[in-house]
PDB file of N, CA and C in Angstrom:
ATOM      1  N   UNK A   1      18.196 -12.372  22.705  1.00  0.00           N
ATOM      2  CA  UNK A   1      16.885 -12.112  21.908  1.00  0.00           C
ATOM      3  C   UNK A   1      17.317 -11.814  20.669  1.00  0.00           C
ATOM      4  N   UNK A   2      16.152 -12.187  19.722  1.00  0.00           N
ATOM      5  CA  UNK A   2      16.427 -12.269  18.399  1.00  0.00           C
ATOM      6  C   UNK A   2      16.245 -10.736  17.670  1.00  0.00           C
ATOM      7  N   UNK A   3      17.138 -10.194  16.834  1.00  0.00           N
ATOM      8  CA  UNK A   3      17.083  -8.871  16.225  1.00  0.00           C
ATOM      9  C   UNK A   3      17.065  -9.079  14.686  1.00  0.00           C
ATOM     10  N   UNK A   4      16.227  -8.462  13.930  1.00  0.00           N
ATOM     11  CA  UNK A   4      16.331  -8.245  12.405  1.00  0.00           C
ATOM     12  C   UNK A   4      16.744  -6.773  12.125  1.00  0.00           C
ATOM     13  N   UNK A   5      17.824  -6.611  11.231  1.00  0.00           N
ATOM     14  CA  UNK A   5      18.215  -5.227  10.982  1.00  0.00           C
ATOM     15  C   UNK A   5      18.106  -5.193   9.345  1.00  0.00           C
ATOM     16  N   UNK A   6      17.518  -4.309   9.125  1.00  0.00           N
ATOM     17  CA  UNK A   6      17.501  -4.074   7.443  1.00  0.00           C
ATOM     18  C   UNK A   6      18.506  -3.132   6.973  1.00  0.00           C
ATOM     19  N   UNK A   7      18.804  -2.914   5.975  1.00  0.00           N
ATOM     20  CA  UNK A   7      19.763  -2.066   5.279  1.00  0.00           C
ATOM     21  C   UNK A   7      19.493  -1.867   3.758  1.00  0.00           C
ATOM     22  N   UNK A   8      20.043  -0.795   3.213  1.00  0.00           N
ATOM     23  CA  UNK A   8      19.967  -0.728   1.836  1.00  0.00           C
ATOM     24  C   UNK A   8      18.613   0.329   1.068  1.00  0.00           C
ATOM     25  N   UNK A   9      18.111   0.728   1.901  1.00  0.00           N
ATOM     26  CA  UNK A   9      17.225   1.692   1.448  1.00  0.00           C
ATOM     27  C   UNK A   9      17.723   3.008   0.983  1.00  0.00           C
ATOM     28  N   UNK A  10      16.922   3.865   0.264  1.00  0.00           N
ATOM     29  CA  UNK A  10      17.453   5.271   0.050  1.00  0.00           C
ATOM     30  C   UNK A  10      16.583   5.796  -0.871  1.00  0.00           C
ATOM     31  N   UNK A  11      17.144   6.690  -1.602  1.00  0.00           N
ATOM     32  CA  UNK A  11      16.328   7.516  -2.654  1.00  0.00           C
ATOM     33  C   UNK A  11      16.822   7.330  -3.970  1.00  0.00           C
ATOM     34  N   UNK A  12      16.099   6.881  -4.906  1.00  0.00           N
ATOM     35  CA  UNK A  12      16.681   6.428  -6.291  1.00  0.00           C
ATOM     36  C   UNK A  12      15.457   7.051  -7.368  1.00  0.00           C
ATOM     37  N   UNK A  13      15.904   7.315  -8.450  1.00  0.00           N
ATOM     38  CA  UNK A  13      15.035   7.889  -9.580  1.00  0.00           C
ATOM     39  C   UNK A  13      14.297   6.656 -10.169  1.00  0.00           C
ATOM     40  N   UNK A  14      12.999   6.843 -10.696  1.00  0.00           N
ATOM     41  CA  UNK A  14      12.282   5.853 -11.390  1.00  0.00           C
ATOM     42  C   UNK A  14      13.098   5.146 -12.513  1.00  0.00           C
ATOM     43  N   UNK A  15      13.085   3.762 -12.537  1.00  0.00           N
ATOM     44  CA  UNK A  15      13.908   2.983 -13.309  1.00  0.00           C
ATOM     45  C   UNK A  15      15.058   2.474 -12.613  1.00  0.00           C
ATOM     46  N   UNK A  16      15.585   3.324 -11.629  1.00  0.00           N
ATOM     47  CA  UNK A  16      16.627   2.820 -10.869  1.00  0.00           C
ATOM     48  C   UNK A  16      16.592   1.340  -9.994  1.00  0.00           C
ATOM     49  N   UNK A  17      17.566   1.099  -9.339  1.00  0.00           N
ATOM     50  CA  UNK A  17      17.850  -0.289  -8.705  1.00  0.00           C
ATOM     51  C   UNK A  17      18.192   0.025  -7.165  1.00  0.00           C
ATOM     52  N   UNK A  18      17.682  -0.873  -6.323  1.00  0.00           N
ATOM     53  CA  UNK A  18      18.253  -0.853  -4.948  1.00  0.00           C
ATOM     54  C   UNK A  18      18.078  -2.289  -4.387  1.00  0.00           C
ATOM     55  N   UNK A  19      19.022  -2.739  -3.549  1.00  0.00           N
ATOM     56  CA  UNK A  19      19.116  -3.996  -2.860  1.00  0.00           C
ATOM     57  C   UNK A  19      19.140  -3.889  -1.498  1.00  0.00           C
ATOM     58  N   UNK A  20      17.891  -4.354  -0.843  1.00  0.00           N
ATOM     59  CA  UNK A  20      17.645  -4.456   0.573  1.00  0.00           C
ATOM     60  C   UNK A  20      18.356  -5.728   1.164  1.00  0.00           C
ATOM     61  N   UNK A  21      18.841  -5.521   2.338  1.00  0.00           N
ATOM     62  CA  UNK A  21      19.630  -6.537   3.260  1.00  0.00           C
ATOM     63  C   UNK A  21      18.683  -6.642   4.529  1.00  0.00           C
ATOM     64  N   UNK A  22      18.748  -7.821   4.995  1.00  0.00           N
ATOM     65  CA  UNK A  22      18.354  -8.064   6.399  1.00  0.00           C
ATOM     66  C   UNK A  22      18.999  -9.041   6.889  1.00  0.00           C
ATOM     67  N   UNK A  23      19.482  -8.750   8.101  1.00  0.00           N
ATOM     68  CA  UNK A  23      20.419  -9.674   8.845  1.00  0.00           C
ATOM     69  C   UNK A  23      19.730  -9.906  10.274  1.00  0.00           C
ATOM     70  N   UNK A  24      19.648 -11.368  10.423  1.00  0.00           N
ATOM     71  CA  UNK A  24      19.148 -11.728  11.704  1.00  0.00           C
ATOM     72  C   UNK A  24      20.277 -12.194  12.520  1.00  0.00           C
ATOM     73  N   UNK A  25      19.900 -11.734  13.990  1.00  0.00           N
ATOM     74  CA  UNK A  25      20.968 -12.292  15.034  1.00  0.00           C
ATOM     75  C   UNK A  25      20.417 -12.835  16.140  1.00  0.00           C
ATOM     76  N   UNK A  26      21.042 -13.486  17.096  1.00  0.00           N
ATOM     77  CA  UNK A  26      20.446 -13.915  18.555  1.00  0.00           C
ATOM     78  C   UNK A  26      20.463 -15.576  18.220  1.00  0.00           C
ATOM     79  N   UNK A  27      19.797 -16.014  19.160  1.00  0.00           N
ATOM     80  CA  UNK A  27      19.839 -17.564  19.402  1.00  0.00           C
ATOM     81  C   UNK A  27      18.974 -18.283  18.687  1.00  0.00           C
ATOM     82  N   UNK A  28      19.256 -18.184  17.309  1.00  0.00           N
ATOM     83  CA  UNK A  28      18.538 -18.725  16.158  1.00  0.00           C
ATOM     84  C   UNK A  28      18.970 -20.034  15.874  1.00  0.00           C
ATOM     85  N   UNK A  29      17.919 -21.014  15.831  1.00  0.00           N
ATOM     86  CA  UNK A  29      18.022 -22.426  15.725  1.00  0.00           C
ATOM     87  C   UNK A  29      17.904 -22.709  13.966  1.00  0.00           C
ATOM     88  N   UNK A  30      16.833 -22.157  13.610  1.00  0.00           N
ATOM     89  CA  UNK A  30      16.541 -22.276  12.075  1.00  0.00           C
ATOM     90  C   UNK A  30      15.459 -21.069  11.791  1.00  0.00           C
ATOM     91  N   UNK A  31      15.595 -20.998  10.221  1.00  0.00           N
ATOM     92  CA  UNK A  31      14.583 -19.935   9.930  1.00  0.00           C
ATOM     93  C   UNK A  31      13.754 -20.532   8.843  1.00  0.00           C
ATOM     94  N   UNK A  32      12.617 -20.567   9.082  1.00  0.00           N
ATOM     95  CA  UNK A  32      11.674 -20.961   8.196  1.00  0.00           C
ATOM     96  C   UNK A  32      11.329 -20.012   6.804  1.00  0.00           C
ATOM     97  N   UNK A  33      10.293 -19.136   6.966  1.00  0.00           N
ATOM     98  CA  UNK A  33       9.951 -18.216   5.886  1.00  0.00           C
ATOM     99  C   UNK A  33      10.819 -16.910   6.170  1.00  0.00           C
ATOM    100  N   UNK A  34      11.248 -16.293   5.003  1.00  0.00           N
ATOM    101  CA  UNK A  34      11.588 -14.937   5.107  1.00  0.00           C
ATOM    102  C   UNK A  34      10.999 -14.256   4.170  1.00  0.00           C
ATOM    103  N   UNK A  35      10.304 -12.924   4.384  1.00  0.00           N
ATOM    104  CA  UNK A  35       9.668 -12.153   3.739  1.00  0.00           C
ATOM    105  C   UNK A  35       9.915 -10.460   3.727  1.00  0.00           C
ATOM    106  N   UNK A  36       9.580  -9.942   2.789  1.00  0.00           N
ATOM    107  CA  UNK A  36       9.535  -8.698   2.673  1.00  0.00           C
ATOM    108  C   UNK A  36       8.206  -8.045   2.550  1.00  0.00           C
ATOM    109  N   UNK A  37       7.911  -6.755   3.303  1.00  0.00           N
ATOM    110  CA  UNK A  37       6.597  -6.280   3.322  1.00  0.00           C
ATOM    111  C   UNK A  37       6.836  -4.811   3.132  1.00  0.00           C
ATOM    112  N   UNK A  38       5.842  -3.987   2.749  1.00  0.00           N
ATOM    113  CA  UNK A  38       6.010  -2.549   2.764  1.00  0.00           C
ATOM    114  C   UNK A  38       4.941  -1.940   3.143  1.00  0.00           C
ATOM    115  N   UNK A  39       5.130  -0.771   3.740  1.00  0.00           N
ATOM    116  CA  UNK A  39       3.997   0.298   4.157  1.00  0.00           C
ATOM    117  C   UNK A  39       4.225   1.612   3.579  1.00  0.00           C
ATOM    118  N   UNK A  40       3.216   1.919   2.830  1.00  0.00           N
ATOM    119  CA  UNK A  40       3.466   3.552   2.216  1.00  0.00           C
ATOM    120  C   UNK A  40       2.370   4.370   3.098  1.00  0.00           C
ATOM    121  N   UNK A  41       2.604   5.505   3.100  1.00  0.00           N
ATOM    122  CA  UNK A  41       1.987   6.446   3.921  1.00  0.00           C
ATOM    123  C   UNK A  41       0.516   6.373   3.830  1.00  0.00           C
ATOM    124  N   UNK A  42      -0.165   6.130   4.955  1.00  0.00           N
ATOM    125  CA  UNK A  42      -1.737   6.231   4.806  1.00  0.00           C
ATOM    126  C   UNK A  42      -2.337   4.946   4.436  1.00  0.00           C
ATOM    127  N   UNK A  43      -1.314   3.800   4.258  1.00  0.00           N
ATOM    128  CA  UNK A  43      -1.719   2.681   3.783  1.00  0.00           C
ATOM    129  C   UNK A  43      -1.421   1.540   4.634  1.00  0.00           C
ATOM    130  N   UNK A  44      -2.145   0.480   4.551  1.00  0.00           N
ATOM    131  CA  UNK A  44      -1.726  -0.945   5.479  1.00  0.00           C
ATOM    132  C   UNK A  44      -0.407  -1.420   4.904  1.00  0.00           C
ATOM    133  N   UNK A  45       0.086  -1.988   5.776  1.00  0.00           N
ATOM    134  CA  UNK A  45       1.353  -2.827   5.374  1.00  0.00           C
ATOM    135  C   UNK A  45       1.070  -3.964   4.485  1.00  0.00           C
ATOM    136  N   UNK A  46       1.637  -4.238   3.467  1.00  0.00           N
ATOM    137  CA  UNK A  46       1.422  -5.385   2.360  1.00  0.00           C
ATOM    138  C   UNK A  46       2.508  -6.183   2.206  1.00  0.00           C
ATOM    139  N   UNK A  47       2.163  -7.330   1.780  1.00  0.00           N
ATOM    140  CA  UNK A  47       3.213  -8.339   1.222  1.00  0.00           C
ATOM    141  C   UNK A  47       3.878  -8.078   0.120  1.00  0.00           C
ATOM    142  N   UNK A  48       5.227  -8.250  -0.151  1.00  0.00           N
ATOM    143  CA  UNK A  48       5.831  -7.908  -1.366  1.00  0.00           C
ATOM    144  C   UNK A  48       6.423  -9.293  -1.913  1.00  0.00           C
ATOM    145  N   UNK A  49       7.042 -10.071  -0.921  1.00  0.00           N
ATOM    146  CA  UNK A  49       7.443 -11.360  -1.270  1.00  0.00           C
ATOM    147  C   UNK A  49       8.194 -12.102  -0.329  1.00  0.00           C
ATOM    148  N   UNK A  50       7.999 -13.460  -0.489  1.00  0.00           N
ATOM    149  CA  UNK A  50       8.542 -14.483   0.521  1.00  0.00           C
ATOM    150  C   UNK A  50       9.188 -15.570  -0.111  1.00  0.00           C
ATOM    151  N   UNK A  51      10.310 -16.150   0.801  1.00  0.00           N
ATOM    152  CA  UNK A  51      11.045 -17.142   0.372  1.00  0.00           C
ATOM    153  C   UNK A  51      11.111 -18.270   1.524  1.00  0.00           C
ATOM    154  N   UNK A  52      10.868 -19.639   1.151  1.00  0.00           N
ATOM    155  CA  UNK A  52      10.726 -20.488   2.084  1.00  0.00           C
ATOM    156  C   UNK A  52      12.128 -21.118   2.262  1.00  0.00           C
ATOM    157  N   UNK A  53      12.340 -21.984   3.226  1.00  0.00           N
ATOM    158  CA  UNK A  53      13.594 -22.842   3.664  1.00  0.00           C
ATOM    159  C   UNK A  53      14.166 -23.485   2.396  1.00  0.00           C
ATOM    160  N   UNK A  54      12.933 -23.892   1.599  1.00  0.00           N
ATOM    161  CA  UNK A  54      13.281 -24.747   0.377  1.00  0.00           C
ATOM    162  C   UNK A  54      13.423 -23.761  -0.826  1.00  0.00           C
ATOM    163  N   UNK A  55      13.499 -22.551  -0.708  1.00  0.00           N
ATOM    164  CA  UNK A  55      13.809 -21.619  -1.746  1.00  0.00           C
ATOM    165  C   UNK A  55      12.796 -21.359  -2.741  1.00  0.00           C
ATOM    166  N   UNK A  56      11.312 -21.791  -2.304  1.00  0.00           N
ATOM    167  CA  UNK A  56      10.330 -21.350  -3.129  1.00  0.00           C
ATOM    168  C   UNK A  56       9.909 -19.902  -2.640  1.00  0.00           C
ATOM    169  N   UNK A  57       9.656 -19.281  -3.871  1.00  0.00           N
ATOM    170  CA  UNK A  57       9.540 -17.762  -3.693  1.00  0.00           C
ATOM    171  C   UNK A  57       7.837 -17.706  -4.343  1.00  0.00           C
ATOM    172  N   UNK A  58       7.545 -16.559  -3.686  1.00  0.00           N
ATOM    173  CA  UNK A  58       6.190 -15.873  -3.971  1.00  0.00           C
ATOM    174  C   UNK A  58       6.307 -14.356  -4.100  1.00  0.00           C
ATOM    175  N   UNK A  59       5.730 -13.971  -4.991  1.00  0.00           N
ATOM    176  CA  UNK A  59       5.643 -12.451  -5.056  1.00  0.00           C
ATOM    177  C   UNK A  59       4.269 -11.858  -5.348  1.00  0.00           C
ATOM    178  N   UNK A  60       3.948 -10.603  -4.776  1.00  0.00           N
ATOM    179  CA  UNK A  60       2.634 -10.031  -5.266  1.00  0.00           C
ATOM    180  C   UNK A  60       2.929  -9.597  -6.586  1.00  0.00           C
ATOM    181  N   UNK A  61       1.481  -9.439  -6.960  1.00  0.00           N
ATOM    182  CA  UNK A  61       1.619  -8.970  -8.633  1.00  0.00           C
ATOM    183  C   UNK A  61       2.277  -7.864  -8.998  1.00  0.00           C
ATOM    184  N   UNK A  62       2.383  -6.849  -8.328  1.00  0.00           N
ATOM    185  CA  UNK A  62       2.677  -5.529  -8.625  1.00  0.00           C
ATOM    186  C   UNK A  62       4.248  -5.549  -8.561  1.00  0.00           C
ATOM    187  N   UNK A  63       4.930  -6.431  -7.944  1.00  0.00           N
ATOM    188  CA  UNK A  63       6.426  -6.574  -8.207  1.00  0.00           C
ATOM    189  C   UNK A  63       6.989  -7.514  -9.003  1.00  0.00           C
ATOM    190  N   UNK A  64       6.257  -8.636  -9.527  1.00  0.00           N
ATOM    191  CA  UNK A  64       6.615  -9.823 -10.396  1.00  0.00           C
ATOM    192  C   UNK A  64       7.490  -9.160 -11.609  1.00  0.00           C
ATOM    193  N   UNK A  65       8.627  -9.873 -11.652  1.00  0.00           N
ATOM    194  CA  UNK A  65       9.359  -9.404 -12.875  1.00  0.00           C
ATOM    195  C   UNK A  65      10.400  -8.143 -12.628  1.00  0.00           C
ATOM    196  N   UNK A  66      10.103  -7.612 -11.340  1.00  0.00           N
ATOM    197  CA  UNK A  66      10.852  -6.431 -11.273  1.00  0.00           C
ATOM    198  C   UNK A  66      11.827  -6.847  -9.886  1.00  0.00           C
ATOM    199  N   UNK A  67      11.197  -7.355  -9.122  1.00  0.00           N
ATOM    200  CA  UNK A  67      12.005  -7.741  -7.634  1.00  0.00           C
ATOM    201  C   UNK A  67      12.235  -9.114  -7.488  1.00  0.00           C
ATOM    202  N   UNK A  68      13.313  -9.374  -7.025  1.00  0.00           N
ATOM    203  CA  UNK A  68      13.966 -10.881  -6.588  1.00  0.00           C
ATOM    204  C   UNK A  68      14.199 -11.053  -5.255  1.00  0.00           C
ATOM    205  N   UNK A  69      13.614 -11.985  -4.654  1.00  0.00           N
ATOM    206  CA  UNK A  69      13.836 -12.448  -3.167  1.00  0.00           C
ATOM    207  C   UNK A  69      14.991 -13.526  -3.082  1.00  0.00           C
ATOM    208  N   UNK A  70      15.929 -13.255  -2.257  1.00  0.00           N
ATOM    209  CA  UNK A  70      16.667 -14.506  -1.932  1.00  0.00           C
ATOM    210  C   UNK A  70      17.184 -14.454  -0.516  1.00  0.00           C
ATOM    211  N   UNK A  71      17.934 -15.486  -0.240  1.00  0.00           N
ATOM    212  CA  UNK A  71      18.279 -15.827   1.216  1.00  0.00           C
ATOM    213  C   UNK A  71      19.637 -16.359   1.254  1.00  0.00           C
ATOM    214  N   UNK A  72      20.369 -16.019   2.381  1.00  0.00           N
ATOM    215  CA  UNK A  72      21.629 -16.940   2.664  1.00  0.00           C
ATOM    216  C   UNK A  72      21.534 -17.421   3.996  1.00  0.00           C
ATOM    217  N   UNK A  73      21.288 -18.681   4.063  1.00  0.00           N
ATOM    218  CA  UNK A  73      20.922 -19.290   5.384  1.00  0.00           C
ATOM    219  C   UNK A  73      22.189 -19.158   6.454  1.00  0.00           C
ATOM    220  N   UNK A  74      23.228 -19.493   5.698  1.00  0.00           N
ATOM    221  CA  UNK A  74      24.509 -19.506   6.593  1.00  0.00           C
ATOM    222  C   UNK A  74      24.709 -18.227   7.317  1.00  0.00           C
ATOM    223  N   UNK A  75      24.402 -17.078   6.657  1.00  0.00           N
ATOM    224  CA  UNK A  75      24.655 -15.780   7.151  1.00  0.00           C
ATOM    225  C   UNK A  75      23.073 -15.344   7.827  1.00  0.00           C
ATOM    226  N   UNK A  76      22.125 -16.065   7.861  1.00  0.00           N
ATOM    227  CA  UNK A  76      20.915 -15.730   8.308  1.00  0.00           C
ATOM    228  C   UNK A  76      20.511 -14.347   7.687  1.00  0.00           C
ATOM    229  N   UNK A  77      20.554 -14.156   6.378  1.00  0.00           N
ATOM    230  CA  UNK A  77      19.986 -13.101   5.731  1.00  0.00           C
ATOM    231  C   UNK A  77      19.066 -13.086   4.827  1.00  0.00           C
ATOM    232  N   UNK A  78      18.320 -12.107   4.482  1.00  0.00           N
ATOM    233  CA  UNK A  78      17.309 -12.119   3.321  1.00  0.00           C
ATOM    234  C   UNK A  78      17.724 -10.884   2.526  1.00  0.00           C
ATOM    235  N   UNK A  79      17.430 -11.003   1.255  1.00  0.00           N
ATOM    236  CA  UNK A  79      17.779 -10.006   0.295  1.00  0.00           C
ATOM    237  C   UNK A  79      16.539  -9.617  -0.572  1.00  0.00           C
ATOM    238  N   UNK A  80      16.633  -8.458  -0.967  1.00  0.00           N
ATOM    239  CA  UNK A  80      15.343  -8.029  -2.076  1.00  0.00           C
ATOM    240  C   UNK A  80      16.063  -7.023  -3.086  1.00  0.00           C
ATOM    241  N   UNK A  81      16.234  -7.636  -4.166  1.00  0.00           N
ATOM    242  CA  UNK A  81      16.650  -6.798  -5.367  1.00  0.00           C
ATOM    243  C   UNK A  81      15.656  -6.170  -6.104  1.00  0.00           C
ATOM    244  N   UNK A  82      15.574  -4.852  -6.191  1.00  0.00           N
ATOM    245  CA  UNK A  82      14.379  -4.109  -6.735  1.00  0.00           C
ATOM    246  C   UNK A  82      15.028  -3.495  -7.875  1.00  0.00           C
ATOM    247  N   UNK A  83      14.493  -3.712  -9.212  1.00  0.00           N
ATOM    248  CA  UNK A  83      14.771  -3.110 -10.548  1.00  0.00           C
ATOM    249  C   UNK A  83      13.696  -2.400 -10.858  1.00  0.00           C
ATOM    250  N   UNK A  84      13.898  -1.317 -11.893  1.00  0.00           N
ATOM    251  CA  UNK A  84      13.088  -0.771 -12.335  1.00  0.00           C
ATOM    252  C   UNK A  84      11.998  -0.152 -11.474  1.00  0.00           C
ATOM    253  N   UNK A  85      12.469   0.533 -10.553  1.00  0.00           N
ATOM    254  CA  UNK A  85      11.648   0.973  -9.404  1.00  0.00           C
ATOM    255  C   UNK A  85      10.756   2.052  -9.959  1.00  0.00           C
ATOM    256  N   UNK A  86       9.527   2.178  -9.469  1.00  0.00           N
ATOM    257  CA  UNK A  86       8.351   3.131  -9.786  1.00  0.00           C
ATOM    258  C   UNK A  86       8.046   4.054  -8.538  1.00  0.00           C
ATOM    259  N   UNK A  87       7.751   5.049  -8.805  1.00  0.00           N
ATOM    260  CA  UNK A  87       7.023   6.130  -7.545  1.00  0.00           C
ATOM    261  C   UNK A  87       6.312   5.450  -6.617  1.00  0.00           C
ATOM    262  N   UNK A  88       5.347   4.569  -7.278  1.00  0.00           N
ATOM    263  CA  UNK A  88       4.447   3.928  -6.301  1.00  0.00           C
ATOM    264  C   UNK A  88       5.142   2.774  -5.556  1.00  0.00           C
ATOM    265  N   UNK A  89       6.406   2.428  -5.670  1.00  0.00           N
ATOM    266  CA  UNK A  89       7.300   1.589  -4.767  1.00  0.00           C
ATOM    267  C   UNK A  89       7.678   2.464  -3.626  1.00  0.00           C
ATOM    268  N   UNK A  90       7.409   3.447  -3.402  1.00  0.00           N
ATOM    269  CA  UNK A  90       7.971   4.351  -2.482  1.00  0.00           C
ATOM    270  C   UNK A  90       7.003   3.856  -1.266  1.00  0.00           C
ATOM    271  N   UNK A  91       7.981   3.543  -0.030  1.00  0.00           N
ATOM    272  CA  UNK A  91       7.239   3.034   1.070  1.00  0.00           C
ATOM    273  C   UNK A  91       8.545   2.816   2.161  1.00  0.00           C
ATOM    274  N   UNK A  92       8.023   2.297   3.433  1.00  0.00           N
ATOM    275  CA  UNK A  92       9.024   1.679   4.382  1.00  0.00           C
ATOM    276  C   UNK A  92       8.870   0.253   4.089  1.00  0.00           C
ATOM    277  N   UNK A  93      10.094  -0.364   3.886  1.00  0.00           N
ATOM    278  CA  UNK A  93      10.227  -1.981   3.657  1.00  0.00           C
ATOM    279  C   UNK A  93      10.389  -2.709   5.029  1.00  0.00           C
ATOM    280  N   UNK A  94       9.869  -3.680   5.397  1.00  0.00           N
ATOM    281  CA  UNK A  94      10.084  -4.309   6.510  1.00  0.00           C
ATOM    282  C   UNK A  94      10.527  -5.787   6.279  1.00  0.00           C
ATOM    283  N   UNK A  95      11.523  -6.336   6.749  1.00  0.00           N
ATOM    284  CA  UNK A  95      11.898  -7.716   6.756  1.00  0.00           C
ATOM    285  C   UNK A  95      11.061  -8.541   7.979  1.00  0.00           C
ATOM    286  N   UNK A  96      10.753  -9.689   7.476  1.00  0.00           N
ATOM    287  CA  UNK A  96       9.910 -10.555   8.503  1.00  0.00           C
ATOM    288  C   UNK A  96      10.430 -11.863   8.276  1.00  0.00           C
ATOM    289  N   UNK A  97      10.924 -12.737   9.618  1.00  0.00           N
ATOM    290  CA  UNK A  97      11.159 -14.096   9.629  1.00  0.00           C
ATOM    291  C   UNK A  97      10.433 -14.831  10.516  1.00  0.00           C
ATOM    292  N   UNK A  98       9.994 -15.996  10.057  1.00  0.00           N
ATOM    293  CA  UNK A  98       9.399 -16.940  11.157  1.00  0.00           C
ATOM    294  C   UNK A  98      10.650 -17.965  11.429  1.00  0.00           C
ATOM    295  N   UNK A  99      10.985 -18.171  12.732  1.00  0.00           N
ATOM    296  CA  UNK A  99      12.175 -18.694  13.067  1.00  0.00           C
ATOM    297  C   UNK A  99      12.084 -19.537  14.343  1.00  0.00           C
ATOM    298  N   UNK A 100      12.786 -20.297  14.452  1.00  0.00           N
ATOM    299  CA  UNK A 100      12.860 -21.205  15.760  1.00  0.00           C
ATOM    300  C   UNK A 100      14.143 -20.627  16.535  1.00  0.00           C
ATOM    301  N   UNK A 101      14.130 -20.165  17.780  1.00  0.00           N
ATOM    302  CA  UNK A 101      15.018 -19.816  18.507  1.00  0.00           C
ATOM    303  C   UNK A 101      15.321 -20.522  19.906  1.00  0.00           C
ATOM    304  N   UNK A 102      16.313 -20.158  20.519  1.00  0.00           N
ATOM    305  CA  UNK A 102      16.300 -20.691  22.078  1.00  0.00           C
ATOM    306  C   UNK A 102      16.169 -19.763  22.962  1.00  0.00           C
ATOM    307  N   UNK A 103      15.492 -19.914  23.788  1.00  0.00           N
ATOM    308  CA  UNK A 103      15.229 -18.862  24.906  1.00  0.00           C
ATOM    309  C   UNK A 103      14.627 -19.526  26.234  1.00  0.00           C
ATOM    310  N   UNK A 104      15.386 -19.140  27.518  1.00  0.00           N
ATOM    311  CA  UNK A 104      14.760 -19.661  28.629  1.00  0.00           C
ATOM    312  C   UNK A 104      14.628 -21.124  28.541  1.00  0.00           C
ATOM    313  N   UNK A 105      15.821 -21.706  28.294  1.00  0.00           N
ATOM    314  CA  UNK A 105      15.876 -23.132  28.237  1.00  0.00           C
ATOM    315  C   UNK A 105      14.987 -23.771  27.493  1.00  0.00           C
ATOM    316  N   UNK A 106      14.268 -23.175  26.497  1.00  0.00           N
ATOM    317  CA  UNK A 106      13.439 -23.925  25.683  1.00  0.00           C
ATOM    318  C   UNK A 106      13.360 -23.304  24.277  1.00  0.00           C
ATOM    319  N   UNK A 107      13.106 -24.274  23.187  1.00  0.00           N
ATOM    320  CA  UNK A 107      12.906 -23.861  21.963  1.00  0.00           C
ATOM    321  C   UNK A 107      11.643 -23.224  21.448  1.00  0.00           C
ATOM    322  N   UNK A 108      11.494 -22.162  20.880  1.00  0.00           N
ATOM    323  CA  UNK A 108      10.325 -21.290  20.679  1.00  0.00           C
ATOM    324  C   UNK A 108      10.328 -21.023  19.213  1.00  0.00           C
ATOM    325  N   UNK A 109       9.126 -20.806  18.608  1.00  0.00           N
ATOM    326  CA  UNK A 109       8.900 -20.394  17.367  1.00  0.00           C
ATOM    327  C   UNK A 109       8.057 -19.050  17.163  1.00  0.00           C
ATOM    328  N   UNK A 110       8.501 -18.182  16.556  1.00  0.00           N
ATOM    329  CA  UNK A 110       7.789 -16.815  16.542  1.00  0.00           C
ATOM    330  C   UNK A 110       8.328 -16.139  15.175  1.00  0.00           C
ATOM    331  N   UNK A 111       7.357 -15.084  14.745  1.00  0.00           N
ATOM    332  CA  UNK A 111       7.752 -14.060  13.877  1.00  0.00           C
ATOM    333  C   UNK A 111       8.279 -12.814  14.289  1.00  0.00           C
ATOM    334  N   UNK A 112       9.411 -12.552  13.592  1.00  0.00           N
ATOM    335  CA  UNK A 112      10.180 -11.245  14.017  1.00  0.00           C
ATOM    336  C   UNK A 112      10.139 -10.345  12.858  1.00  0.00           C
ATOM    337  N   UNK A 113      10.092  -9.104  13.323  1.00  0.00           N
ATOM    338  CA  UNK A 113      10.124  -7.948  12.271  1.00  0.00           C
ATOM    339  C   UNK A 113      11.565  -7.064  12.430  1.00  0.00           C
ATOM    340  N   UNK A 114      11.804  -6.557  11.409  1.00  0.00           N
ATOM    341  CA  UNK A 114      12.744  -5.541  11.484  1.00  0.00           C
ATOM    342  C   UNK A 114      12.362  -3.999  11.717  1.00  0.00           C
ATOM    343  N   UNK A 115      13.029  -3.044  11.745  1.00  0.00           N
ATOM    344  CA  UNK A 115      12.681  -1.729  12.164  1.00  0.00           C
ATOM    345  C   UNK A 115      12.217  -1.149  10.759  1.00  0.00           C
ATOM    346  N   UNK A 116      12.646  -1.499   9.854  1.00  0.00           N
ATOM    347  CA  UNK A 116      11.965  -0.968   8.397  1.00  0.00           C
ATOM    348  C   UNK A 116      13.280  -0.151   8.092  1.00  0.00           C
ATOM    349  N   UNK A 117      13.185   0.017   6.571  1.00  0.00           N
ATOM    350  CA  UNK A 117      14.203   0.792   5.854  1.00  0.00           C
ATOM    351  C   UNK A 117      13.319   1.781   4.680  1.00  0.00           C
ATOM    352  N   UNK A 118      13.651   2.939   4.736  1.00  0.00           N
ATOM    353  CA  UNK A 118      12.906   3.770   3.683  1.00  0.00           C
ATOM    354  C   UNK A 118      13.321   3.818   2.345  1.00  0.00           C
ATOM    355  N   UNK A 119      12.382   3.580   1.359  1.00  0.00           N
ATOM    356  CA  UNK A 119      12.827   3.482  -0.090  1.00  0.00           C
ATOM    357  C   UNK A 119      12.064   4.491  -0.764  1.00  0.00           C
ATOM    358  N   UNK A 120      12.599   5.531  -1.318  1.00  0.00           N
ATOM    359  CA  UNK A 120      11.820   6.696  -2.036  1.00  0.00           C
ATOM    360  C   UNK A 120      12.260   6.731  -3.509  1.00  0.00           C
ATOM    361  N   UNK A 121      11.173   6.584  -4.338  1.00  0.00           N
ATOM    362  CA  UNK A 121      11.498   6.631  -5.719  1.00  0.00           C
ATOM    363  C   UNK A 121      10.908   7.978  -6.433  1.00  0.00           C
ATOM    364  N   UNK A 122      11.791   8.718  -7.068  1.00  0.00           N
ATOM    365  CA  UNK A 122      11.364   9.834  -7.518  1.00  0.00           C
ATOM    366  C   UNK A 122      10.884   9.653  -8.944  1.00  0.00           C
ATOM    367  N   UNK A 123      10.083  10.701  -9.539  1.00  0.00           N
ATOM    368  CA  UNK A 123       9.588  10.439 -10.808  1.00  0.00           C
ATOM    369  C   UNK A 123      10.460  11.417 -11.715  1.00  0.00           C
TER     370      UNK A 123
END
């Protein structure tokens, strides 16, 4: 089965930086889009950034110029470098990957989510 595991969250002061990592494991054939989402208390989960297999990136307006998404296809990993963090960036950050995997003698396509990693930015 496919699993995504995030790491790198923590507590940081406003203006500081964190780097999140997401590692995928399992019978993965290829990974299409990798993305980071976040969910603050009492709010819906929202898109932060995505990166395609061709390295095209997309950022939501509130992180442009501060966050950078990247990927390592050989290691099946996604990264989110977060600089100049603000208290409003406080949330649980989730990794998402759209991928093709092998299961039950067949190739399948699905989206998978990690368990989330907490990012807390103090003022």
